[in-house]
N, C-alpha and C. Protein backbone atom coordinates (compact mmCIF):
# COMPACT_ATOMS: atom_id res chain seq x y z
N MET A 1 0.84 -1.19 0.00
CA MET A 1 0.00 0.00 0.00
C MET A 1 0.87 1.24 0.00
N ARG A 2 0.46 2.25 -0.72
CA ARG A 2 1.19 3.50 -0.76
C ARG A 2 0.37 4.55 -0.02
N LEU A 3 0.78 4.89 1.19
CA LEU A 3 0.01 5.83 1.98
C LEU A 3 0.70 7.19 2.11
N THR A 4 2.00 7.18 2.23
CA THR A 4 2.71 8.44 2.42
C THR A 4 3.88 8.51 1.46
N ARG A 5 4.30 9.70 1.17
CA ARG A 5 5.45 9.93 0.32
C ARG A 5 6.45 10.78 1.11
N LEU A 6 7.51 10.12 1.56
CA LEU A 6 8.52 10.79 2.36
C LEU A 6 9.88 10.64 1.72
N ASN A 7 10.75 11.59 2.00
CA ASN A 7 12.13 11.48 1.60
C ASN A 7 12.74 10.31 2.38
N PRO A 8 13.28 9.28 1.70
CA PRO A 8 13.77 8.10 2.42
C PRO A 8 14.95 8.40 3.33
N GLU A 9 15.69 9.44 3.06
CA GLU A 9 16.86 9.75 3.87
C GLU A 9 16.49 10.44 5.16
N THR A 10 15.46 11.30 5.12
CA THR A 10 15.10 12.08 6.30
C THR A 10 13.78 11.67 6.91
N GLN A 11 13.00 10.84 6.19
CA GLN A 11 11.66 10.44 6.61
C GLN A 11 10.75 11.65 6.81
N ALA A 12 11.02 12.70 6.04
CA ALA A 12 10.19 13.91 6.07
C ALA A 12 9.84 14.28 4.64
N PRO A 13 8.77 15.04 4.45
CA PRO A 13 8.45 15.47 3.09
C PRO A 13 9.63 16.22 2.47
N ALA A 14 9.79 16.05 1.17
CA ALA A 14 10.91 16.69 0.48
C ALA A 14 10.80 18.21 0.58
N LEU A 15 11.93 18.87 0.76
CA LEU A 15 11.96 20.32 0.86
C LEU A 15 11.93 20.95 -0.52
N VAL A 16 11.43 22.18 -0.58
CA VAL A 16 11.39 22.90 -1.85
C VAL A 16 12.79 23.35 -2.20
N HIS A 17 13.22 23.06 -3.41
CA HIS A 17 14.55 23.46 -3.86
C HIS A 17 14.47 24.83 -4.50
N PRO A 18 15.55 25.60 -4.45
CA PRO A 18 15.53 26.92 -5.09
C PRO A 18 15.36 26.80 -6.60
N ILE A 19 14.77 27.84 -7.17
CA ILE A 19 14.58 27.88 -8.62
C ILE A 19 15.93 28.16 -9.28
N ARG A 20 16.24 27.41 -10.32
CA ARG A 20 17.48 27.61 -11.06
C ARG A 20 17.13 28.14 -12.44
N PHE A 21 17.68 29.29 -12.80
CA PHE A 21 17.45 29.87 -14.10
C PHE A 21 18.53 29.42 -15.06
N SER A 22 18.16 29.27 -16.32
CA SER A 22 19.14 28.88 -17.32
C SER A 22 20.09 30.05 -17.57
N PRO A 23 21.30 29.79 -18.08
CA PRO A 23 22.23 30.87 -18.40
C PRO A 23 21.62 31.87 -19.39
N MET A 24 20.81 31.37 -20.33
CA MET A 24 20.17 32.26 -21.30
C MET A 24 19.23 33.23 -20.60
N ALA A 25 18.50 32.78 -19.60
CA ALA A 25 17.58 33.66 -18.87
C ALA A 25 18.35 34.75 -18.15
N VAL A 26 19.49 34.40 -17.58
CA VAL A 26 20.30 35.39 -16.87
C VAL A 26 20.83 36.43 -17.84
N VAL A 27 21.34 36.00 -19.00
CA VAL A 27 21.87 36.93 -20.00
C VAL A 27 20.76 37.85 -20.52
N LEU A 28 19.62 37.27 -20.87
CA LEU A 28 18.52 38.08 -21.40
C LEU A 28 17.97 39.05 -20.36
N SER A 29 17.86 38.60 -19.11
CA SER A 29 17.36 39.52 -18.09
C SER A 29 18.36 40.64 -17.83
N SER A 30 19.65 40.34 -17.87
CA SER A 30 20.66 41.39 -17.72
C SER A 30 20.57 42.41 -18.85
N LEU A 31 20.35 41.92 -20.06
CA LEU A 31 20.20 42.81 -21.21
C LEU A 31 18.97 43.70 -21.06
N VAL A 32 17.87 43.12 -20.65
CA VAL A 32 16.64 43.91 -20.47
C VAL A 32 16.84 44.95 -19.38
N LEU A 33 17.48 44.58 -18.28
CA LEU A 33 17.73 45.54 -17.21
C LEU A 33 18.63 46.67 -17.68
N HIS A 34 19.67 46.32 -18.46
CA HIS A 34 20.56 47.35 -19.00
C HIS A 34 19.79 48.33 -19.89
N LEU A 35 18.96 47.79 -20.80
CA LEU A 35 18.16 48.65 -21.68
C LEU A 35 17.16 49.48 -20.89
N LEU A 36 16.60 48.91 -19.85
CA LEU A 36 15.67 49.62 -18.99
C LEU A 36 16.35 50.82 -18.33
N GLN A 37 17.55 50.60 -17.81
CA GLN A 37 18.27 51.68 -17.16
C GLN A 37 18.73 52.74 -18.16
N LYS A 38 19.11 52.33 -19.35
CA LYS A 38 19.63 53.26 -20.35
C LYS A 38 18.53 54.11 -20.98
N TYR A 39 17.41 53.48 -21.34
CA TYR A 39 16.39 54.20 -22.09
C TYR A 39 15.20 54.66 -21.27
N CYS A 40 15.08 54.20 -20.04
CA CYS A 40 13.95 54.63 -19.21
C CYS A 40 14.39 55.11 -17.84
N PRO A 41 15.50 55.84 -17.75
CA PRO A 41 15.91 56.31 -16.42
C PRO A 41 14.93 57.38 -15.92
N SER A 42 14.57 57.32 -14.67
CA SER A 42 13.61 58.29 -14.12
C SER A 42 14.21 59.70 -14.10
N ASP A 43 15.54 59.82 -14.00
CA ASP A 43 16.16 61.14 -13.99
C ASP A 43 16.26 61.76 -15.39
N ARG A 44 15.97 60.97 -16.46
CA ARG A 44 16.02 61.50 -17.82
C ARG A 44 14.62 61.67 -18.40
N GLY A 45 13.64 61.63 -17.58
CA GLY A 45 12.30 61.87 -18.08
C GLY A 45 11.52 60.63 -18.43
N GLY A 46 12.09 59.46 -18.19
CA GLY A 46 11.35 58.22 -18.45
C GLY A 46 10.13 58.16 -17.54
N THR A 47 9.02 57.79 -18.06
CA THR A 47 7.80 57.78 -17.26
C THR A 47 7.67 56.47 -16.48
N LYS A 48 6.81 56.51 -15.49
CA LYS A 48 6.55 55.30 -14.72
C LYS A 48 5.90 54.24 -15.60
N ALA A 49 5.12 54.67 -16.58
CA ALA A 49 4.47 53.72 -17.49
C ALA A 49 5.51 52.94 -18.28
N HIS A 50 6.57 53.65 -18.77
CA HIS A 50 7.63 52.98 -19.50
C HIS A 50 8.31 51.94 -18.62
N ARG A 51 8.59 52.33 -17.39
CA ARG A 51 9.28 51.42 -16.48
C ARG A 51 8.40 50.22 -16.13
N LYS A 52 7.09 50.46 -15.97
CA LYS A 52 6.18 49.35 -15.66
C LYS A 52 6.11 48.36 -16.82
N VAL A 53 6.04 48.90 -18.04
CA VAL A 53 5.99 48.03 -19.22
C VAL A 53 7.29 47.22 -19.32
N ALA A 54 8.42 47.89 -19.11
CA ALA A 54 9.70 47.21 -19.20
C ALA A 54 9.84 46.15 -18.10
N THR A 55 9.41 46.47 -16.89
CA THR A 55 9.48 45.52 -15.78
C THR A 55 8.57 44.32 -16.05
N PHE A 56 7.37 44.58 -16.54
CA PHE A 56 6.44 43.50 -16.88
C PHE A 56 7.05 42.61 -17.96
N SER A 57 7.68 43.23 -18.96
CA SER A 57 8.32 42.46 -20.04
C SER A 57 9.42 41.57 -19.48
N LEU A 58 10.19 42.10 -18.55
CA LEU A 58 11.26 41.32 -17.93
C LEU A 58 10.68 40.12 -17.18
N LEU A 59 9.62 40.32 -16.44
CA LEU A 59 9.00 39.23 -15.70
C LEU A 59 8.46 38.15 -16.65
N VAL A 60 7.83 38.57 -17.74
CA VAL A 60 7.32 37.61 -18.72
C VAL A 60 8.48 36.84 -19.33
N LEU A 61 9.57 37.52 -19.64
CA LEU A 61 10.75 36.87 -20.21
C LEU A 61 11.30 35.82 -19.25
N LEU A 62 11.44 36.17 -17.98
CA LEU A 62 11.96 35.21 -17.01
C LEU A 62 11.01 34.03 -16.82
N TRP A 63 9.71 34.30 -16.73
CA TRP A 63 8.74 33.23 -16.55
C TRP A 63 8.76 32.27 -17.74
N THR A 64 8.78 32.82 -18.95
CA THR A 64 8.79 31.99 -20.16
C THR A 64 10.07 31.16 -20.23
N THR A 65 11.19 31.79 -19.94
CA THR A 65 12.46 31.08 -19.99
C THR A 65 12.49 29.98 -18.95
N LEU A 66 11.98 30.25 -17.75
CA LEU A 66 11.95 29.24 -16.71
C LEU A 66 11.09 28.06 -17.13
N ALA A 67 9.95 28.35 -17.73
CA ALA A 67 9.04 27.28 -18.15
C ALA A 67 9.67 26.40 -19.23
N TYR A 68 10.39 26.99 -20.15
CA TYR A 68 10.97 26.23 -21.25
C TYR A 68 12.38 25.75 -20.98
N ALA A 69 13.01 26.25 -19.93
CA ALA A 69 14.39 25.87 -19.65
C ALA A 69 14.50 24.51 -18.99
N GLN A 70 13.40 24.04 -18.45
CA GLN A 70 13.43 22.76 -17.76
C GLN A 70 13.71 21.64 -18.77
N SER A 71 14.85 21.00 -18.61
CA SER A 71 15.19 19.92 -19.53
C SER A 71 14.71 18.61 -18.94
N SER A 72 14.56 17.62 -19.79
CA SER A 72 14.07 16.33 -19.32
C SER A 72 15.23 15.44 -18.91
N ILE A 73 14.91 14.50 -18.04
CA ILE A 73 15.88 13.51 -17.61
C ILE A 73 15.31 12.13 -17.88
N SER A 74 16.17 11.14 -17.94
CA SER A 74 15.72 9.77 -18.19
C SER A 74 15.13 9.19 -16.90
N ALA A 75 14.34 8.14 -17.08
CA ALA A 75 13.77 7.45 -15.92
C ALA A 75 14.87 6.92 -15.01
N ALA A 76 15.95 6.42 -15.60
CA ALA A 76 17.06 5.88 -14.81
C ALA A 76 17.78 6.97 -14.01
N ASP A 77 17.83 8.19 -14.56
CA ASP A 77 18.53 9.29 -13.89
C ASP A 77 17.68 9.94 -12.81
N ALA A 78 16.39 9.66 -12.78
CA ALA A 78 15.49 10.29 -11.81
C ALA A 78 15.92 10.03 -10.37
N ARG A 79 16.53 8.89 -10.11
CA ARG A 79 16.95 8.57 -8.74
C ARG A 79 17.99 9.56 -8.20
N ASN A 80 18.66 10.27 -9.11
CA ASN A 80 19.64 11.28 -8.71
C ASN A 80 19.02 12.65 -8.51
N HIS A 81 17.70 12.75 -8.64
CA HIS A 81 17.02 14.04 -8.55
C HIS A 81 15.85 14.01 -7.57
N ILE A 82 15.93 13.16 -6.56
CA ILE A 82 14.87 13.07 -5.56
C ILE A 82 14.71 14.44 -4.88
N GLY A 83 13.46 14.88 -4.77
CA GLY A 83 13.17 16.17 -4.13
C GLY A 83 13.17 17.34 -5.08
N GLU A 84 13.52 17.11 -6.34
CA GLU A 84 13.57 18.19 -7.33
C GLU A 84 12.35 18.14 -8.24
N ASP A 85 12.02 19.30 -8.78
CA ASP A 85 11.00 19.37 -9.83
C ASP A 85 11.71 19.12 -11.15
N ALA A 86 11.21 18.17 -11.93
CA ALA A 86 11.86 17.82 -13.19
C ALA A 86 10.84 17.20 -14.14
N THR A 87 11.28 17.02 -15.38
CA THR A 87 10.50 16.29 -16.37
C THR A 87 11.24 15.00 -16.65
N VAL A 88 10.56 13.89 -16.42
CA VAL A 88 11.15 12.57 -16.59
C VAL A 88 10.50 11.90 -17.79
N CYS A 89 11.33 11.38 -18.70
CA CYS A 89 10.81 10.74 -19.91
C CYS A 89 11.23 9.28 -19.97
N GLY A 90 10.34 8.46 -20.53
CA GLY A 90 10.65 7.05 -20.69
C GLY A 90 9.53 6.29 -21.35
N GLN A 91 9.81 5.04 -21.67
CA GLN A 91 8.84 4.15 -22.31
C GLN A 91 7.99 3.48 -21.24
N VAL A 92 6.66 3.50 -21.42
CA VAL A 92 5.78 2.83 -20.48
C VAL A 92 5.91 1.33 -20.67
N ALA A 93 6.36 0.64 -19.62
CA ALA A 93 6.59 -0.81 -19.68
C ALA A 93 5.42 -1.59 -19.09
N SER A 94 4.73 -1.00 -18.12
CA SER A 94 3.55 -1.66 -17.55
C SER A 94 2.67 -0.62 -16.86
N THR A 95 1.40 -0.95 -16.76
CA THR A 95 0.45 -0.09 -16.05
C THR A 95 -0.45 -0.98 -15.20
N HIS A 96 -0.99 -0.40 -14.14
CA HIS A 96 -1.91 -1.16 -13.30
C HIS A 96 -2.82 -0.21 -12.54
N TYR A 97 -4.12 -0.45 -12.64
CA TYR A 97 -5.11 0.29 -11.86
C TYR A 97 -5.52 -0.62 -10.71
N ALA A 98 -5.16 -0.24 -9.49
CA ALA A 98 -5.46 -1.04 -8.29
C ALA A 98 -6.77 -0.54 -7.69
N ALA A 99 -7.87 -0.86 -8.35
CA ALA A 99 -9.19 -0.35 -7.96
C ALA A 99 -9.62 -0.78 -6.57
N SER A 100 -9.15 -1.93 -6.11
CA SER A 100 -9.57 -2.42 -4.80
C SER A 100 -8.59 -2.04 -3.69
N SER A 101 -7.50 -1.37 -4.03
CA SER A 101 -6.52 -0.94 -3.03
C SER A 101 -6.91 0.41 -2.44
N ARG A 102 -6.41 0.66 -1.26
CA ARG A 102 -6.66 1.94 -0.59
C ARG A 102 -6.16 3.09 -1.45
N GLY A 103 -6.97 4.08 -1.71
CA GLY A 103 -6.60 5.23 -2.53
C GLY A 103 -6.80 5.00 -4.02
N LYS A 104 -7.12 3.77 -4.40
CA LYS A 104 -7.35 3.40 -5.81
C LYS A 104 -6.28 3.95 -6.76
N PRO A 105 -5.03 3.62 -6.50
CA PRO A 105 -3.94 4.17 -7.33
C PRO A 105 -3.84 3.53 -8.71
N THR A 106 -3.33 4.32 -9.65
CA THR A 106 -2.95 3.81 -10.96
C THR A 106 -1.44 3.98 -11.06
N PHE A 107 -0.75 2.89 -11.39
CA PHE A 107 0.70 2.91 -11.50
C PHE A 107 1.08 2.81 -12.97
N ILE A 108 1.93 3.73 -13.41
CA ILE A 108 2.46 3.73 -14.77
C ILE A 108 3.97 3.59 -14.62
N ASN A 109 4.48 2.42 -14.95
CA ASN A 109 5.90 2.12 -14.75
C ASN A 109 6.69 2.31 -16.03
N LEU A 110 7.81 3.02 -15.91
CA LEU A 110 8.64 3.32 -17.07
C LEU A 110 9.86 2.41 -17.15
N GLU A 111 10.22 2.08 -18.38
CA GLU A 111 11.42 1.34 -18.77
C GLU A 111 11.38 -0.16 -18.44
N ARG A 112 10.94 -0.54 -17.25
CA ARG A 112 10.81 -1.94 -16.89
C ARG A 112 9.47 -2.15 -16.20
N PRO A 113 8.84 -3.30 -16.41
CA PRO A 113 7.56 -3.54 -15.74
C PRO A 113 7.74 -3.83 -14.25
N TYR A 114 6.67 -3.64 -13.50
CA TYR A 114 6.64 -4.01 -12.09
C TYR A 114 6.94 -5.51 -11.98
N PRO A 115 7.77 -5.96 -11.09
CA PRO A 115 8.30 -5.31 -9.89
C PRO A 115 9.72 -4.74 -10.04
N THR A 116 10.25 -4.69 -11.25
CA THR A 116 11.62 -4.18 -11.43
C THR A 116 11.61 -2.81 -12.10
N GLN A 117 10.52 -2.07 -11.93
CA GLN A 117 10.38 -0.76 -12.58
C GLN A 117 11.51 0.19 -12.19
N ILE A 118 11.84 1.06 -13.13
CA ILE A 118 12.90 2.06 -12.93
C ILE A 118 12.31 3.34 -12.34
N PHE A 119 11.07 3.64 -12.73
CA PHE A 119 10.40 4.89 -12.35
C PHE A 119 8.90 4.66 -12.43
N THR A 120 8.15 5.29 -11.55
CA THR A 120 6.69 5.15 -11.53
C THR A 120 6.01 6.51 -11.57
N VAL A 121 4.97 6.60 -12.39
CA VAL A 121 4.05 7.73 -12.36
C VAL A 121 2.85 7.22 -11.58
N LEU A 122 2.46 7.93 -10.53
CA LEU A 122 1.34 7.51 -9.69
C LEU A 122 0.19 8.49 -9.87
N VAL A 123 -0.99 7.95 -10.17
CA VAL A 123 -2.21 8.76 -10.25
C VAL A 123 -3.15 8.21 -9.18
N TRP A 124 -3.46 9.01 -8.17
CA TRP A 124 -4.37 8.58 -7.13
C TRP A 124 -5.79 8.54 -7.66
N GLY A 125 -6.60 7.69 -7.07
CA GLY A 125 -7.99 7.53 -7.49
C GLY A 125 -8.78 8.83 -7.46
N SER A 126 -8.47 9.72 -6.54
CA SER A 126 -9.18 11.00 -6.45
C SER A 126 -8.91 11.89 -7.67
N ASP A 127 -7.78 11.69 -8.33
CA ASP A 127 -7.44 12.46 -9.53
C ASP A 127 -7.77 11.71 -10.82
N ARG A 128 -8.08 10.46 -10.71
CA ARG A 128 -8.31 9.60 -11.88
C ARG A 128 -9.39 10.12 -12.83
N PRO A 129 -10.51 10.68 -12.35
CA PRO A 129 -11.53 11.18 -13.29
C PRO A 129 -10.98 12.21 -14.29
N LYS A 130 -9.96 12.96 -13.89
CA LYS A 130 -9.36 13.95 -14.80
C LYS A 130 -8.61 13.27 -15.94
N PHE A 131 -8.13 12.05 -15.70
CA PHE A 131 -7.30 11.32 -16.66
C PHE A 131 -8.07 10.34 -17.53
N GLY A 132 -9.27 9.98 -17.12
CA GLY A 132 -9.98 8.91 -17.84
C GLY A 132 -9.43 7.58 -17.40
N SER A 133 -8.83 6.85 -18.31
CA SER A 133 -8.21 5.55 -18.01
C SER A 133 -6.72 5.63 -18.35
N PRO A 134 -5.92 6.19 -17.44
CA PRO A 134 -4.50 6.38 -17.75
C PRO A 134 -3.76 5.09 -18.05
N GLU A 135 -4.18 3.98 -17.46
CA GLU A 135 -3.49 2.70 -17.71
C GLU A 135 -3.69 2.25 -19.15
N VAL A 136 -4.74 2.75 -19.80
CA VAL A 136 -4.97 2.44 -21.22
C VAL A 136 -4.36 3.51 -22.11
N THR A 137 -4.58 4.78 -21.74
CA THR A 137 -4.11 5.92 -22.53
C THR A 137 -2.60 5.89 -22.77
N TYR A 138 -1.83 5.57 -21.73
CA TYR A 138 -0.38 5.66 -21.82
C TYR A 138 0.32 4.33 -22.05
N SER A 139 -0.41 3.23 -22.02
CA SER A 139 0.19 1.91 -22.16
C SER A 139 0.98 1.77 -23.46
N GLY A 140 2.25 1.37 -23.34
CA GLY A 140 3.11 1.14 -24.49
C GLY A 140 3.65 2.39 -25.16
N LYS A 141 3.34 3.54 -24.63
CA LYS A 141 3.77 4.80 -25.25
C LYS A 141 5.00 5.36 -24.55
N ARG A 142 5.69 6.24 -25.24
CA ARG A 142 6.79 6.99 -24.63
C ARG A 142 6.18 8.27 -24.09
N ILE A 143 6.38 8.53 -22.80
CA ILE A 143 5.78 9.69 -22.16
C ILE A 143 6.83 10.50 -21.40
N CYS A 144 6.45 11.74 -21.11
CA CYS A 144 7.23 12.59 -20.22
C CYS A 144 6.27 13.08 -19.14
N VAL A 145 6.70 13.05 -17.89
CA VAL A 145 5.89 13.52 -16.78
C VAL A 145 6.68 14.60 -16.04
N SER A 146 5.99 15.67 -15.69
CA SER A 146 6.64 16.77 -14.97
C SER A 146 6.08 16.85 -13.55
N GLY A 147 6.96 17.08 -12.60
CA GLY A 147 6.54 17.21 -11.21
C GLY A 147 7.68 16.99 -10.26
N ARG A 148 7.35 16.97 -8.97
CA ARG A 148 8.35 16.75 -7.92
C ARG A 148 8.66 15.26 -7.84
N ILE A 149 9.92 14.92 -7.94
CA ILE A 149 10.34 13.54 -7.86
C ILE A 149 10.49 13.16 -6.39
N SER A 150 9.81 12.10 -6.01
CA SER A 150 9.95 11.55 -4.66
C SER A 150 10.39 10.09 -4.82
N SER A 151 10.56 9.43 -3.69
CA SER A 151 10.97 8.03 -3.74
C SER A 151 10.07 7.23 -2.82
N TYR A 152 9.64 6.07 -3.30
CA TYR A 152 8.85 5.16 -2.49
C TYR A 152 9.49 3.78 -2.58
N ARG A 153 9.95 3.29 -1.44
CA ARG A 153 10.63 1.99 -1.38
C ARG A 153 11.77 1.89 -2.38
N GLY A 154 12.52 3.00 -2.51
CA GLY A 154 13.70 3.03 -3.35
C GLY A 154 13.45 3.26 -4.83
N VAL A 155 12.18 3.42 -5.22
CA VAL A 155 11.86 3.65 -6.63
C VAL A 155 11.40 5.10 -6.79
N PRO A 156 12.07 5.87 -7.67
CA PRO A 156 11.65 7.25 -7.88
C PRO A 156 10.27 7.31 -8.54
N GLU A 157 9.51 8.34 -8.18
CA GLU A 157 8.18 8.50 -8.73
C GLU A 157 7.77 9.96 -8.77
N VAL A 158 6.78 10.23 -9.61
CA VAL A 158 6.11 11.52 -9.63
C VAL A 158 4.63 11.24 -9.46
N ILE A 159 4.00 11.98 -8.58
CA ILE A 159 2.56 11.86 -8.40
C ILE A 159 1.92 12.87 -9.35
N ALA A 160 1.16 12.35 -10.32
CA ALA A 160 0.50 13.21 -11.31
C ALA A 160 -0.91 13.52 -10.81
N GLN A 161 -1.20 14.79 -10.66
CA GLN A 161 -2.51 15.22 -10.19
C GLN A 161 -3.34 15.83 -11.31
N ASP A 162 -2.68 16.12 -12.43
CA ASP A 162 -3.35 16.76 -13.55
C ASP A 162 -2.82 16.17 -14.85
N PRO A 163 -3.71 15.92 -15.83
CA PRO A 163 -3.24 15.35 -17.11
C PRO A 163 -2.20 16.21 -17.82
N GLY A 164 -2.18 17.50 -17.54
CA GLY A 164 -1.18 18.39 -18.15
C GLY A 164 0.24 18.06 -17.72
N GLN A 165 0.40 17.27 -16.67
CA GLN A 165 1.73 16.88 -16.20
C GLN A 165 2.34 15.80 -17.10
N ILE A 166 1.49 15.09 -17.85
CA ILE A 166 1.97 13.98 -18.67
C ILE A 166 1.73 14.30 -20.14
N ARG A 167 2.78 14.12 -20.93
CA ARG A 167 2.60 14.29 -22.38
C ARG A 167 3.18 13.08 -23.09
N ILE A 168 2.49 12.72 -24.19
CA ILE A 168 2.94 11.60 -24.99
C ILE A 168 3.90 12.13 -26.04
N GLN A 169 5.04 11.47 -26.18
CA GLN A 169 6.04 11.92 -27.17
C GLN A 169 5.77 11.32 -28.52
């Protein structure tokens, strides 16, 4: 039964890791800040509206870069990223909907079938209506799942709460 998800080393929920920006995001944000200071200085008559537009543009640039900068990792490499938010990709080797188990979990195992799975995507029964029949939808396909990587009994996993977390390649 899968009841709790704890960091196996500390037996506590995984801590939030700091956000890491890509080098491109840092360079682009530095460029935008430089242009903002050069062309919209308040002492040269730049208006607050100009500065607000430039600041908003900078925030959109950083947000977009952060969203797209996240690179994917293999199912085998996920064990090195416990506690981190990442996108894990792999071939679905087996699926199982445990309808009679507590929490009614659906297990989507990548690269190797249960019980030797390399990585598991877990969909709890409470989230299952959003997915339809994930054990059928993703069976045999190559998928990528995004979310916080945790570990359960030594196997890395991501708990998918929304279908947008999983995409078929």
